[in-house]
Amino acid sequence: MISINGEAIALLAALSNPAAAEHQKALHLRDVALSQSDESYTNLILNFGRILACPLYEENHPDTRTSFQNKDPTSAIQLDHDPTLWRQYRQMAGLLLKNSLLKPPFKSEAPVANVPKLRVKLIAEDSVKNELKEILLRCMTDSDSQIRSVAGSCIASCSVTSSQPGNSMFSLNEWREIISFITSCLQNQSSGDNGVDGAFNALVKLCEDRPTLLDSEALGRPLNILVPLFLQYFEASKVKYRKYSLQCLNHLIEYLPGALIVNMNAFLAGLSKLSQDPDPAVRQQVCRAIVSILSIQADFVS
């Protein structure tokens, strides 16, 4: 069974409480727990990850459920009567995980004159970083689309902006496996439809935020593999995959990486075909692509 601190679940329950006073109190408790020390920050981060990865409340250890019941009996009763609330807790845990990794709080210790405040950081033991990475990859292929979306957003955001000491382990330079995992998902090798959807959730944001990083020589120029895969998804039967692939490529047009230039004829042929797509969102992305290409390099379509 998954080992989760019942107090972490109680914190999520309190943060979900719409009552202003209770919500503000929960925010304060969250901030204290995150900023108290590197150890408390790391512990809460791990618990957020474990909650995100736990598909059902019933899968928690009995000690976890007892701890939660003792801390917040009302919310525990509500969760027992409506297990779908656990999905909300999982989503919130994922968002808090992402935000806490992207911007760790300052330590709550008393400030010292002329000494800059320090942020807390993850205790970068292999067990910690490996568990969090495994959690995020597993959740990227979760059966719940909302959990896949949260995990993909967390992976994309952290992999391009993790610059805080101790948290750089989530950058693409330090987490090379993520590209091969995403590529494997797009090739539909192991994770099925959930994996394809999760991979695109991460890639759309990656292509939007840091397209040059995906063309980095240090990373082996992932776009050389990804661009042909995007083009293959122009033929996908599901609308969302045609749209996702167009979104990814549209984010690359301004930068014009070599992988896109080499595949430009196939890209233009695909745009021509998709201009007749029955879905308006796909056609909108086609129009955006054509306008972008004309503004950047008109001779491609002459």
Protein backbone atom coordinates (compact mmCIF):
# COMPACT_ATOMS: atom_id res chain seq x y z
CA MET A 1 0.00 0.00 0.00
CA ILE A 2 1.06 3.59 -0.61
CA SER A 3 2.50 5.33 2.46
CA ILE A 4 0.94 8.78 2.77
CA ASN A 5 0.80 11.09 5.78
CA GLY A 6 -2.83 11.54 6.83
CA GLU A 7 -2.08 15.14 7.76
CA ALA A 8 -1.22 15.86 4.11
CA ILE A 9 -4.69 14.63 3.08
CA ALA A 10 -6.23 16.76 5.83
CA LEU A 11 -4.36 19.78 4.45
CA LEU A 12 -5.82 19.17 0.98
CA ALA A 13 -9.28 18.79 2.48
CA ALA A 14 -8.88 22.11 4.28
CA LEU A 15 -7.64 23.83 1.13
CA SER A 16 -10.76 22.53 -0.61
CA ASN A 17 -13.00 24.12 2.01
CA PRO A 18 -14.79 27.11 0.44
CA ALA A 19 -15.20 28.86 3.82
CA ALA A 20 -12.86 31.86 3.68
CA ALA A 21 -11.55 31.54 7.24
CA GLU A 22 -10.81 27.83 6.95
CA HIS A 23 -9.19 28.29 3.54
CA GLN A 24 -6.90 31.05 4.81
CA LYS A 25 -5.94 28.91 7.78
CA ALA A 26 -5.12 26.02 5.44
CA LEU A 27 -2.98 28.27 3.25
CA HIS A 28 -1.02 29.32 6.33
CA LEU A 29 -0.53 25.71 7.40
CA ARG A 30 0.66 24.81 3.91
CA ASP A 31 3.17 27.65 3.86
CA VAL A 32 4.49 26.75 7.31
CA ALA A 33 4.90 23.09 6.38
CA LEU A 34 6.73 23.97 3.16
CA SER A 35 9.02 26.64 4.58
CA GLN A 36 9.93 25.20 7.98
CA SER A 37 13.01 23.30 6.77
CA ASP A 38 14.42 21.35 3.85
CA GLU A 39 13.16 18.18 5.56
CA SER A 40 9.59 19.41 6.01
CA TYR A 41 9.51 20.72 2.44
CA THR A 42 10.79 17.44 1.04
CA ASN A 43 8.33 15.42 3.13
CA LEU A 44 5.31 17.45 2.01
CA ILE A 45 6.45 17.37 -1.61
CA LEU A 46 6.71 13.58 -1.45
CA ASN A 47 3.25 13.34 0.06
CA PHE A 48 1.77 15.54 -2.66
CA GLY A 49 3.37 13.24 -5.24
CA ARG A 50 2.11 10.09 -3.56
CA ILE A 51 -1.42 11.44 -3.32
CA LEU A 52 -1.30 12.40 -7.01
CA ALA A 53 -0.25 8.85 -7.84
CA CYS A 54 -2.82 7.09 -5.64
CA PRO A 55 -5.85 6.26 -7.83
CA LEU A 56 -8.26 5.40 -5.00
CA TYR A 57 -8.60 6.57 -1.42
CA GLU A 58 -9.17 2.97 -0.37
CA GLU A 59 -5.64 2.10 -1.52
CA ASN A 60 -4.13 4.16 1.29
CA HIS A 61 -2.70 2.31 4.29
CA PRO A 62 -5.20 1.92 7.18
CA ASP A 63 -2.87 4.01 9.37
CA THR A 64 -3.09 6.83 6.83
CA ARG A 65 -6.88 6.76 6.81
CA THR A 66 -6.97 6.65 10.62
CA SER A 67 -4.62 9.63 10.84
CA PHE A 68 -6.79 11.56 8.39
CA GLN A 69 -9.96 10.69 10.32
CA ASN A 70 -8.40 11.87 13.57
CA LYS A 71 -7.21 15.11 12.00
CA ASP A 72 -10.38 15.96 10.06
CA PRO A 73 -13.27 13.59 10.85
CA THR A 74 -15.82 15.62 8.88
CA SER A 75 -13.83 15.50 5.64
CA ALA A 76 -13.04 11.83 6.20
CA ILE A 77 -16.75 11.04 6.47
CA GLN A 78 -17.46 13.07 3.32
CA LEU A 79 -14.76 11.16 1.45
CA ASP A 80 -16.15 7.83 2.63
CA HIS A 81 -19.60 8.81 1.35
CA ASP A 82 -18.32 10.35 -1.89
CA PRO A 83 -15.09 8.65 -3.06
CA THR A 84 -15.03 10.86 -6.18
CA LEU A 85 -13.71 13.66 -3.95
CA TRP A 86 -10.37 11.83 -3.99
CA ARG A 87 -9.95 12.85 -7.62
CA GLN A 88 -10.15 16.49 -6.54
CA TYR A 89 -7.53 15.89 -3.86
CA ARG A 90 -5.24 14.24 -6.42
CA GLN A 91 -5.52 17.17 -8.82
CA MET A 92 -4.86 19.67 -6.06
CA ALA A 93 -1.86 17.67 -4.86
CA GLY A 94 -0.42 17.71 -8.38
CA LEU A 95 -0.84 21.47 -8.73
CA LEU A 96 0.70 22.08 -5.31
CA LEU A 97 3.57 19.77 -6.24
CA LYS A 98 4.23 21.75 -9.42
CA ASN A 99 4.01 25.14 -7.75
CA SER A 100 6.20 24.06 -4.85
CA LEU A 101 8.89 22.71 -7.19
CA LEU A 102 8.82 25.75 -9.45
CA LYS A 103 9.02 28.29 -6.64
CA PRO A 104 10.10 26.88 -3.28
CA PRO A 105 9.23 29.22 -0.40
CA PHE A 106 11.80 31.09 1.64
CA LYS A 107 12.87 29.43 4.85
CA SER A 108 10.83 30.59 7.82
CA GLU A 109 13.83 31.02 10.12
CA ALA A 110 14.46 34.45 11.58
CA PRO A 111 16.23 36.74 9.09
CA VAL A 112 19.82 37.80 9.72
CA ALA A 113 20.88 41.35 8.95
CA ASN A 114 22.53 41.77 5.54
CA VAL A 115 22.11 38.08 4.77
CA PRO A 116 19.76 37.24 1.89
CA LYS A 117 16.87 34.94 2.65
CA LEU A 118 17.29 31.38 1.44
CA ARG A 119 14.68 29.18 -0.19
CA VAL A 120 14.06 25.64 0.98
CA LYS A 121 15.21 22.89 -1.33
CA LEU A 122 14.57 19.24 -1.92
CA ILE A 123 16.85 16.83 -0.12
CA ALA A 124 18.31 15.40 -3.28
CA GLU A 125 18.69 11.81 -2.19
CA ASP A 126 18.33 9.27 -4.98
CA SER A 127 15.29 7.75 -3.26
CA VAL A 128 13.52 11.11 -3.25
CA LYS A 129 14.22 12.22 -6.80
CA ASN A 130 13.69 8.76 -8.27
CA GLU A 131 10.32 8.37 -6.55
CA LEU A 132 9.09 11.78 -7.71
CA LYS A 133 10.22 11.16 -11.28
CA GLU A 134 8.60 7.73 -11.32
CA ILE A 135 5.37 9.23 -9.95
CA LEU A 136 5.23 11.93 -12.62
CA LEU A 137 5.89 9.49 -15.46
CA ARG A 138 3.29 7.05 -14.15
CA CYS A 139 0.71 9.79 -13.74
CA MET A 140 1.36 11.02 -17.28
CA THR A 141 -0.28 7.78 -18.43
CA ASP A 142 -2.99 7.69 -15.73
CA SER A 143 -6.46 6.50 -16.68
CA ASP A 144 -7.90 9.86 -15.56
CA SER A 145 -7.46 12.60 -18.17
CA GLN A 146 -7.32 15.35 -15.54
CA ILE A 147 -4.48 13.61 -13.72
CA ARG A 148 -2.61 13.16 -17.02
CA SER A 149 -3.04 16.85 -17.69
CA VAL A 150 -1.72 17.85 -14.26
CA ALA A 151 1.26 15.50 -14.55
CA GLY A 152 2.09 16.70 -18.05
CA SER A 153 1.92 20.32 -16.95
CA CYS A 154 4.16 19.59 -13.96
CA ILE A 155 6.72 17.76 -16.10
CA ALA A 156 6.77 20.44 -18.80
CA SER A 157 6.97 23.37 -16.39
CA CYS A 158 9.60 21.85 -14.13
CA SER A 159 11.78 20.47 -16.90
CA VAL A 160 12.29 23.88 -18.51
CA THR A 161 12.33 26.13 -15.42
CA SER A 162 13.79 24.07 -12.56
CA SER A 163 16.72 26.26 -11.62
CA GLN A 164 16.39 26.28 -7.83
CA PRO A 165 19.24 24.50 -5.99
CA GLY A 166 18.21 20.90 -5.39
CA ASN A 167 15.32 21.05 -7.86
CA SER A 168 17.37 21.13 -11.06
CA MET A 169 17.09 17.33 -11.09
CA PHE A 170 13.83 17.85 -13.02
CA SER A 171 15.42 19.85 -15.85
CA LEU A 172 15.72 18.17 -19.23
CA ASN A 173 19.49 18.26 -18.89
CA GLU A 174 19.29 16.23 -15.68
CA TRP A 175 16.29 14.08 -16.64
CA ARG A 176 17.20 12.63 -20.01
CA GLU A 177 14.76 9.72 -19.63
CA ILE A 178 11.74 11.99 -20.03
CA ILE A 179 12.32 12.54 -23.75
CA SER A 180 12.71 8.84 -24.48
CA PHE A 181 9.61 8.10 -22.39
CA ILE A 182 7.54 10.71 -24.21
CA THR A 183 8.78 9.43 -27.57
CA SER A 184 7.88 5.89 -26.59
CA CYS A 185 4.37 7.03 -25.62
CA LEU A 186 3.88 8.76 -28.99
CA GLN A 187 5.00 5.62 -30.74
CA ASN A 188 2.28 3.87 -28.72
CA GLN A 189 4.74 1.23 -27.60
CA SER A 190 3.61 0.56 -24.06
CA SER A 191 1.07 2.98 -22.60
CA GLY A 192 -1.70 2.97 -25.19
CA ASP A 193 -4.00 5.90 -25.76
CA ASN A 194 -3.46 7.30 -22.27
CA GLY A 195 0.26 7.53 -22.95
CA VAL A 196 -0.24 9.37 -26.23
CA ASP A 197 -2.56 11.86 -24.58
CA GLY A 198 -0.21 12.38 -21.65
CA ALA A 199 2.81 12.83 -23.90
CA PHE A 200 1.05 15.49 -25.95
CA ASN A 201 -0.06 17.28 -22.77
CA ALA A 202 3.59 17.74 -21.89
CA LEU A 203 4.86 18.39 -25.41
CA VAL A 204 2.42 21.17 -26.28
CA LYS A 205 3.68 23.15 -23.29
CA LEU A 206 7.33 22.23 -23.90
CA CYS A 207 7.11 23.39 -27.51
CA GLU A 208 5.41 26.59 -26.42
CA ASP A 209 7.74 27.47 -23.55
CA ARG A 210 11.18 26.33 -24.74
CA PRO A 211 11.20 25.10 -28.35
CA THR A 212 14.96 25.68 -28.64
CA LEU A 213 15.61 23.29 -25.76
CA LEU A 214 14.06 20.45 -27.74
CA ASP A 215 16.55 21.21 -30.51
CA SER A 216 19.52 21.21 -28.16
CA GLU A 217 22.57 19.36 -29.40
CA ALA A 218 23.37 18.43 -25.79
CA LEU A 219 20.06 16.53 -25.64
CA GLY A 220 20.58 14.86 -29.01
CA ARG A 221 18.15 17.15 -30.86
CA PRO A 222 14.88 15.44 -29.84
CA LEU A 223 12.97 17.33 -32.54
CA ASN A 224 14.65 15.18 -35.18
CA ILE A 225 12.49 12.33 -33.88
CA LEU A 226 9.52 14.32 -32.63
CA VAL A 227 8.74 16.36 -35.77
CA PRO A 228 8.17 13.26 -37.98
CA LEU A 229 6.00 11.81 -35.20
CA PHE A 230 3.93 15.01 -35.07
CA LEU A 231 3.38 14.75 -38.81
CA GLN A 232 2.23 11.15 -38.47
CA TYR A 233 -0.48 12.30 -36.09
CA PHE A 234 -1.98 14.47 -38.83
CA GLU A 235 -3.57 11.18 -39.89
CA ALA A 236 -4.88 10.32 -36.42
CA SER A 237 -8.53 9.36 -36.16
CA LYS A 238 -8.95 11.35 -32.94
CA VAL A 239 -9.41 15.08 -33.36
CA LYS A 240 -7.43 15.96 -30.25
CA TYR A 241 -4.28 14.31 -31.62
CA ARG A 242 -4.51 16.15 -34.92
CA LYS A 243 -4.95 19.37 -32.97
CA TYR A 244 -2.13 18.59 -30.51
CA SER A 245 0.33 17.80 -33.30
CA LEU A 246 -0.54 21.05 -35.09
CA GLN A 247 -0.14 23.02 -31.87
CA CYS A 248 3.32 21.56 -31.28
CA LEU A 249 4.45 22.34 -34.82
CA ASN A 250 2.94 25.82 -34.75
CA HIS A 251 5.05 26.64 -31.70
CA LEU A 252 8.14 25.65 -33.71
CA ILE A 253 7.51 27.73 -36.83
CA GLU A 254 8.94 31.00 -35.51
CA TYR A 255 12.13 29.23 -34.45
CA LEU A 256 12.34 27.09 -37.64
CA PRO A 257 14.50 24.24 -36.32
CA GLY A 258 16.34 22.09 -38.83
CA ALA A 259 13.98 19.18 -38.19
CA LEU A 260 11.04 21.29 -39.39
CA ILE A 261 12.86 22.66 -42.43
CA VAL A 262 13.83 19.14 -43.53
CA ASN A 263 10.19 18.02 -43.19
CA MET A 264 8.65 21.24 -44.57
CA ASN A 265 7.22 19.63 -47.72
CA ALA A 266 5.49 16.95 -45.66
CA PHE A 267 4.26 19.65 -43.25
CA LEU A 268 2.78 21.74 -46.07
CA ALA A 269 1.16 18.68 -47.65
CA GLY A 270 -0.37 17.81 -44.31
CA LEU A 271 -1.66 21.36 -43.85
CA SER A 272 -3.28 21.21 -47.25
CA LYS A 273 -5.09 18.03 -46.32
CA LEU A 274 -6.10 19.23 -42.88
CA SER A 275 -7.50 22.47 -44.29
CA GLN A 276 -10.54 20.35 -45.12
CA ASP A 277 -10.71 18.78 -41.66
CA PRO A 278 -14.27 18.50 -40.30
CA ASP A 279 -13.22 19.93 -36.92
CA PRO A 280 -13.08 23.75 -36.69
CA ALA A 281 -10.33 23.71 -34.03
CA VAL A 282 -8.07 21.78 -36.40
CA ARG A 283 -8.80 24.14 -39.28
CA GLN A 284 -8.04 27.08 -37.00
CA GLN A 285 -4.62 25.62 -36.24
CA VAL A 286 -4.04 25.12 -39.98
CA CYS A 287 -4.79 28.79 -40.64
CA ARG A 288 -2.46 29.81 -37.86
CA ALA A 289 0.32 27.67 -39.34
CA ILE A 290 -0.07 29.12 -42.81
CA VAL A 291 -0.08 32.70 -41.54
CA SER A 292 3.02 32.03 -39.43
CA ILE A 293 4.90 30.42 -42.31
CA LEU A 294 4.04 33.32 -44.64
CA SER A 295 5.27 35.83 -42.09
CA ILE A 296 8.52 33.99 -41.39
CA GLN A 297 9.49 32.43 -44.72
CA ALA A 298 7.01 33.11 -47.52
CA ASP A 299 9.04 31.25 -50.15
CA PHE A 300 8.15 27.95 -48.46
CA VAL A 301 4.62 28.24 -49.85
CA SER A 302 5.41 29.95 -53.15
